[in-house]
Each structure stands twice: as C-alpha cells, then as structure tokens.
PDB file of N, CA and C in Angstrom:
ATOM      1  N   LEU A   1     -18.170   5.290 -13.373  1.00  0.00           N
ATOM      2  CA  LEU A   1     -18.834   4.031 -13.206  1.00  0.00           C
ATOM      3  C   LEU A   1     -20.289   4.340 -12.647  1.00  0.00           C
ATOM      4  N   PRO A   2     -21.135   4.687 -13.470  1.00  0.00           N
ATOM      5  CA  PRO A   2     -22.500   5.071 -13.086  1.00  0.00           C
ATOM      6  C   PRO A   2     -23.216   3.897 -12.513  1.00  0.00           C
ATOM      7  N   GLY A   3     -22.991   2.670 -12.920  1.00  0.00           N
ATOM      8  CA  GLY A   3     -23.577   1.471 -12.464  1.00  0.00           C
ATOM      9  C   GLY A   3     -23.272   1.233 -10.914  1.00  0.00           C
ATOM     10  N   ALA A   4     -21.985   1.386 -10.684  1.00  0.00           N
ATOM     11  CA  ALA A   4     -21.536   1.094  -9.315  1.00  0.00           C
ATOM     12  C   ALA A   4     -22.112   2.138  -8.364  1.00  0.00           C
ATOM     13  N   ARG A   5     -22.378   3.271  -8.822  1.00  0.00           N
ATOM     14  CA  ARG A   5     -22.908   4.419  -7.905  1.00  0.00           C
ATOM     15  C   ARG A   5     -24.322   4.134  -7.543  1.00  0.00           C
ATOM     16  N   GLU A   6     -24.999   3.373  -8.352  1.00  0.00           N
ATOM     17  CA  GLU A   6     -26.448   2.991  -8.001  1.00  0.00           C
ATOM     18  C   GLU A   6     -26.460   2.025  -6.941  1.00  0.00           C
ATOM     19  N   ALA A   7     -25.563   1.142  -6.659  1.00  0.00           N
ATOM     20  CA  ALA A   7     -25.520   0.253  -5.582  1.00  0.00           C
ATOM     21  C   ALA A   7     -24.908   0.720  -4.356  1.00  0.00           C
ATOM     22  N   LEU A   8     -24.375   1.855  -4.466  1.00  0.00           N
ATOM     23  CA  LEU A   8     -23.705   2.340  -3.247  1.00  0.00           C
ATOM     24  C   LEU A   8     -24.697   2.861  -2.120  1.00  0.00           C
ATOM     25  N   ARG A   9     -24.286   2.423  -0.936  1.00  0.00           N
ATOM     26  CA  ARG A   9     -25.045   2.872   0.273  1.00  0.00           C
ATOM     27  C   ARG A   9     -24.127   3.520   1.332  1.00  0.00           C
ATOM     28  N   ILE A  10     -24.413   4.645   1.749  1.00  0.00           N
ATOM     29  CA  ILE A  10     -23.584   5.256   2.786  1.00  0.00           C
ATOM     30  C   ILE A  10     -24.408   5.179   4.131  1.00  0.00           C
ATOM     31  N   ARG A  11     -23.743   4.531   5.086  1.00  0.00           N
ATOM     32  CA  ARG A  11     -24.485   4.382   6.343  1.00  0.00           C
ATOM     33  C   ARG A  11     -23.619   4.989   7.457  1.00  0.00           C
ATOM     34  N   ARG A  12     -24.226   5.336   8.560  1.00  0.00           N
ATOM     35  CA  ARG A  12     -23.665   5.825   9.694  1.00  0.00           C
ATOM     36  C   ARG A  12     -22.945   4.647  10.479  1.00  0.00           C
ATOM     37  N   ALA A  13     -21.689   4.830  10.920  1.00  0.00           N
ATOM     38  CA  ALA A  13     -21.046   3.687  11.660  1.00  0.00           C
ATOM     39  C   ALA A  13     -21.863   3.212  12.832  1.00  0.00           C
ATOM     40  N   ALA A  14     -21.928   1.899  13.014  1.00  0.00           N
ATOM     41  CA  ALA A  14     -22.675   1.320  14.148  1.00  0.00           C
ATOM     42  C   ALA A  14     -21.797   0.934  15.277  1.00  0.00           C
ATOM     43  N   LEU A  15     -20.676   1.598  15.472  1.00  0.00           N
ATOM     44  CA  LEU A  15     -19.831   1.257  16.620  1.00  0.00           C
ATOM     45  C   LEU A  15     -20.368   1.744  17.906  1.00  0.00           C
ATOM     46  N   GLY A  16     -21.060   2.763  17.926  1.00  0.00           N
ATOM     47  CA  GLY A  16     -21.714   3.391  19.060  1.00  0.00           C
ATOM     48  C   GLY A  16     -20.624   3.648  20.196  1.00  0.00           C
ATOM     49  N   PRO A  17     -21.072   3.332  21.442  1.00  0.00           N
ATOM     50  CA  PRO A  17     -20.017   3.605  22.572  1.00  0.00           C
ATOM     51  C   PRO A  17     -18.717   2.852  22.571  1.00  0.00           C
ATOM     52  N   ASP A  18     -18.569   1.862  21.602  1.00  0.00           N
ATOM     53  CA  ASP A  18     -17.342   1.137  21.477  1.00  0.00           C
ATOM     54  C   ASP A  18     -16.249   1.782  20.599  1.00  0.00           C
ATOM     55  N   ARG A  19     -16.646   2.857  19.942  1.00  0.00           N
ATOM     56  CA  ARG A  19     -15.726   3.438  18.965  1.00  0.00           C
ATOM     57  C   ARG A  19     -14.430   3.929  19.573  1.00  0.00           C
ATOM     58  N   LEU A  20     -14.476   4.421  20.845  1.00  0.00           N
ATOM     59  CA  LEU A  20     -13.260   4.901  21.470  1.00  0.00           C
ATOM     60  C   LEU A  20     -12.371   3.745  21.861  1.00  0.00           C
ATOM     61  N   MET A  21     -12.949   2.675  22.329  1.00  0.00           N
ATOM     62  CA  MET A  21     -12.272   1.527  22.685  1.00  0.00           C
ATOM     63  C   MET A  21     -11.514   0.865  21.424  1.00  0.00           C
ATOM     64  N   ILE A  22     -12.212   0.832  20.343  1.00  0.00           N
ATOM     65  CA  ILE A  22     -11.639   0.338  19.133  1.00  0.00           C
ATOM     66  C   ILE A  22     -10.423   1.119  18.692  1.00  0.00           C
ATOM     67  N   GLY A  23     -10.624   2.505  18.769  1.00  0.00           N
ATOM     68  CA  GLY A  23      -9.481   3.439  18.419  1.00  0.00           C
ATOM     69  C   GLY A  23      -8.273   3.212  19.365  1.00  0.00           C
ATOM     70  N   ALA A  24      -8.514   3.066  20.669  1.00  0.00           N
ATOM     71  CA  ALA A  24      -7.482   2.830  21.563  1.00  0.00           C
ATOM     72  C   ALA A  24      -6.797   1.427  21.345  1.00  0.00           C
ATOM     73  N   ALA A  25      -7.545   0.459  20.987  1.00  0.00           N
ATOM     74  CA  ALA A  25      -6.980  -0.843  20.657  1.00  0.00           C
ATOM     75  C   ALA A  25      -6.049  -0.721  19.509  1.00  0.00           C
ATOM     76  N   GLU A  26      -6.496   0.057  18.463  1.00  0.00           N
ATOM     77  CA  GLU A  26      -5.673   0.196  17.350  1.00  0.00           C
ATOM     78  C   GLU A  26      -4.389   0.882  17.676  1.00  0.00           C
ATOM     79  N   LEU A  27      -4.434   1.889  18.463  1.00  0.00           N
ATOM     80  CA  LEU A  27      -3.167   2.567  18.857  1.00  0.00           C
ATOM     81  C   LEU A  27      -2.224   1.602  19.617  1.00  0.00           C
ATOM     82  N   ALA A  28      -2.799   0.758  20.526  1.00  0.00           N
ATOM     83  CA  ALA A  28      -1.945  -0.124  21.267  1.00  0.00           C
ATOM     84  C   ALA A  28      -1.219  -1.225  20.380  1.00  0.00           C
ATOM     85  N   PHE A  29      -2.025  -1.619  19.287  1.00  0.00           N
ATOM     86  CA  PHE A  29      -1.459  -2.570  18.458  1.00  0.00           C
ATOM     87  C   PHE A  29      -0.885  -2.110  17.231  1.00  0.00           C
ATOM     88  N   ALA A  30      -0.670  -0.839  17.132  1.00  0.00           N
ATOM     89  CA  ALA A  30      -0.142  -0.241  15.842  1.00  0.00           C
ATOM     90  C   ALA A  30       1.180  -0.835  15.399  1.00  0.00           C
ATOM     91  N   ARG A  31       2.091  -0.999  16.312  1.00  0.00           N
ATOM     92  CA  ARG A  31       3.395  -1.597  16.009  1.00  0.00           C
ATOM     93  C   ARG A  31       3.161  -3.033  15.422  1.00  0.00           C
ATOM     94  N   VAL A  32       2.342  -3.737  16.082  1.00  0.00           N
ATOM     95  CA  VAL A  32       2.042  -5.090  15.572  1.00  0.00           C
ATOM     96  C   VAL A  32       1.426  -5.075  14.135  1.00  0.00           C
ATOM     97  N   LEU A  33       0.507  -4.188  14.030  1.00  0.00           N
ATOM     98  CA  LEU A  33      -0.127  -4.086  12.628  1.00  0.00           C
ATOM     99  C   LEU A  33       0.870  -3.715  11.557  1.00  0.00           C
ATOM    100  N   VAL A  34       1.863  -2.859  11.936  1.00  0.00           N
ATOM    101  CA  VAL A  34       2.827  -2.417  10.942  1.00  0.00           C
ATOM    102  C   VAL A  34       3.857  -3.509  10.664  1.00  0.00           C
ATOM    103  N   ASP A  35       4.357  -4.148  11.737  1.00  0.00           N
ATOM    104  CA  ASP A  35       5.463  -5.128  11.407  1.00  0.00           C
ATOM    105  C   ASP A  35       5.286  -6.337  12.414  1.00  0.00           C
ATOM    106  N   PRO A  36       4.329  -7.251  12.093  1.00  0.00           N
ATOM    107  CA  PRO A  36       4.054  -8.377  12.975  1.00  0.00           C
ATOM    108  C   PRO A  36       5.263  -9.253  13.284  1.00  0.00           C
ATOM    109  N   SER A  37       6.063  -9.547  12.287  1.00  0.00           N
ATOM    110  CA  SER A  37       7.224 -10.415  12.438  1.00  0.00           C
ATOM    111  C   SER A  37       8.261  -9.768  13.222  1.00  0.00           C
ATOM    112  N   GLY A  38       8.451  -8.443  13.082  1.00  0.00           N
ATOM    113  CA  GLY A  38       9.437  -7.670  13.892  1.00  0.00           C
ATOM    114  C   GLY A  38       9.053  -7.678  15.371  1.00  0.00           C
ATOM    115  N   VAL A  39       7.886  -7.574  15.608  1.00  0.00           N
ATOM    116  CA  VAL A  39       7.363  -7.558  17.106  1.00  0.00           C
ATOM    117  C   VAL A  39       7.459  -8.920  17.653  1.00  0.00           C
ATOM    118  N   MET A  40       7.278 -10.006  16.884  1.00  0.00           N
ATOM    119  CA  MET A  40       7.554 -11.334  17.397  1.00  0.00           C
ATOM    120  C   MET A  40       9.013 -11.596  17.638  1.00  0.00           C
ATOM    121  N   ARG A  41       9.833 -11.106  16.732  1.00  0.00           N
ATOM    122  CA  ARG A  41      11.378 -11.213  16.861  1.00  0.00           C
ATOM    123  C   ARG A  41      11.804 -10.625  18.183  1.00  0.00           C
ATOM    124  N   ALA A  42      11.307  -9.379  18.367  1.00  0.00           N
ATOM    125  CA  ALA A  42      11.710  -8.551  19.588  1.00  0.00           C
ATOM    126  C   ALA A  42      11.256  -9.276  20.861  1.00  0.00           C
ATOM    127  N   ALA A  43      10.059  -9.787  20.814  1.00  0.00           N
ATOM    128  CA  ALA A  43       9.604 -10.539  22.015  1.00  0.00           C
ATOM    129  C   ALA A  43      10.393 -11.864  22.278  1.00  0.00           C
ATOM    130  N   ALA A  44      10.809 -12.545  21.266  1.00  0.00           N
ATOM    131  CA  ALA A  44      11.572 -13.734  21.368  1.00  0.00           C
ATOM    132  C   ALA A  44      12.965 -13.314  21.941  1.00  0.00           C
ATOM    133  N   ASP A  45      13.499 -12.308  21.457  1.00  0.00           N
ATOM    134  CA  ASP A  45      14.814 -11.857  21.837  1.00  0.00           C
ATOM    135  C   ASP A  45      14.736 -11.391  23.360  1.00  0.00           C
ATOM    136  N   ALA A  46      13.646 -10.731  23.754  1.00  0.00           N
ATOM    137  CA  ALA A  46      13.573 -10.277  25.126  1.00  0.00           C
ATOM    138  C   ALA A  46      13.331 -11.470  26.134  1.00  0.00           C
ATOM    139  N   GLU A  47      12.646 -12.453  25.580  1.00  0.00           N
ATOM    140  CA  GLU A  47      12.491 -13.642  26.375  1.00  0.00           C
ATOM    141  C   GLU A  47      13.754 -14.456  26.659  1.00  0.00           C
ATOM    142  N   ARG A  48      14.626 -14.499  25.554  1.00  0.00           N
ATOM    143  CA  ARG A  48      15.958 -15.177  25.701  1.00  0.00           C
ATOM    144  C   ARG A  48      16.849 -14.461  26.560  1.00  0.00           C
ATOM    145  N   THR A  49      16.820 -13.056  26.667  1.00  0.00           N
ATOM    146  CA  THR A  49      17.640 -12.277  27.462  1.00  0.00           C
ATOM    147  C   THR A  49      17.228 -12.438  29.039  1.00  0.00           C
ATOM    148  N   THR A  50      15.892 -12.569  29.194  1.00  0.00           N
ATOM    149  CA  THR A  50      15.461 -12.701  30.652  1.00  0.00           C
ATOM    150  C   THR A  50      15.351 -14.160  31.158  1.00  0.00           C
ATOM    151  N   ALA A  51      15.450 -15.139  30.304  1.00  0.00           N
ATOM    152  CA  ALA A  51      15.398 -16.482  30.786  1.00  0.00           C
ATOM    153  C   ALA A  51      16.780 -16.976  31.348  1.00  0.00           C
TER     154      ALA A  51
END
C-alpha cells in the first residue's frame, strides 16, 4: 500500500513522566480489561457473602 505509507507519521510518545503511572494502572486493571463481567460477578458475590 504505497499510498498509505505516504500519510504515515511516526512520532515519539507524549506521555512523558506519566508513562510509568499509565503502565501501573494497566497492570492494576488487567483483570478487569480481560474479563469485565467476571470481575463484576466476583464483586457481587463477595458483597453478598459479607452483607
């Protein structure tokens, strides 16, 4: 696709000092990102058993 290559721009990430925080947040939420409904079910089950 030579035409697509002409419009391609490669730029340095602009996250700066926040890049580590964003990576840490992704690790913390990894389970939610993989299976959001499963996490919600587990939270609801835990709430029922403690209530």
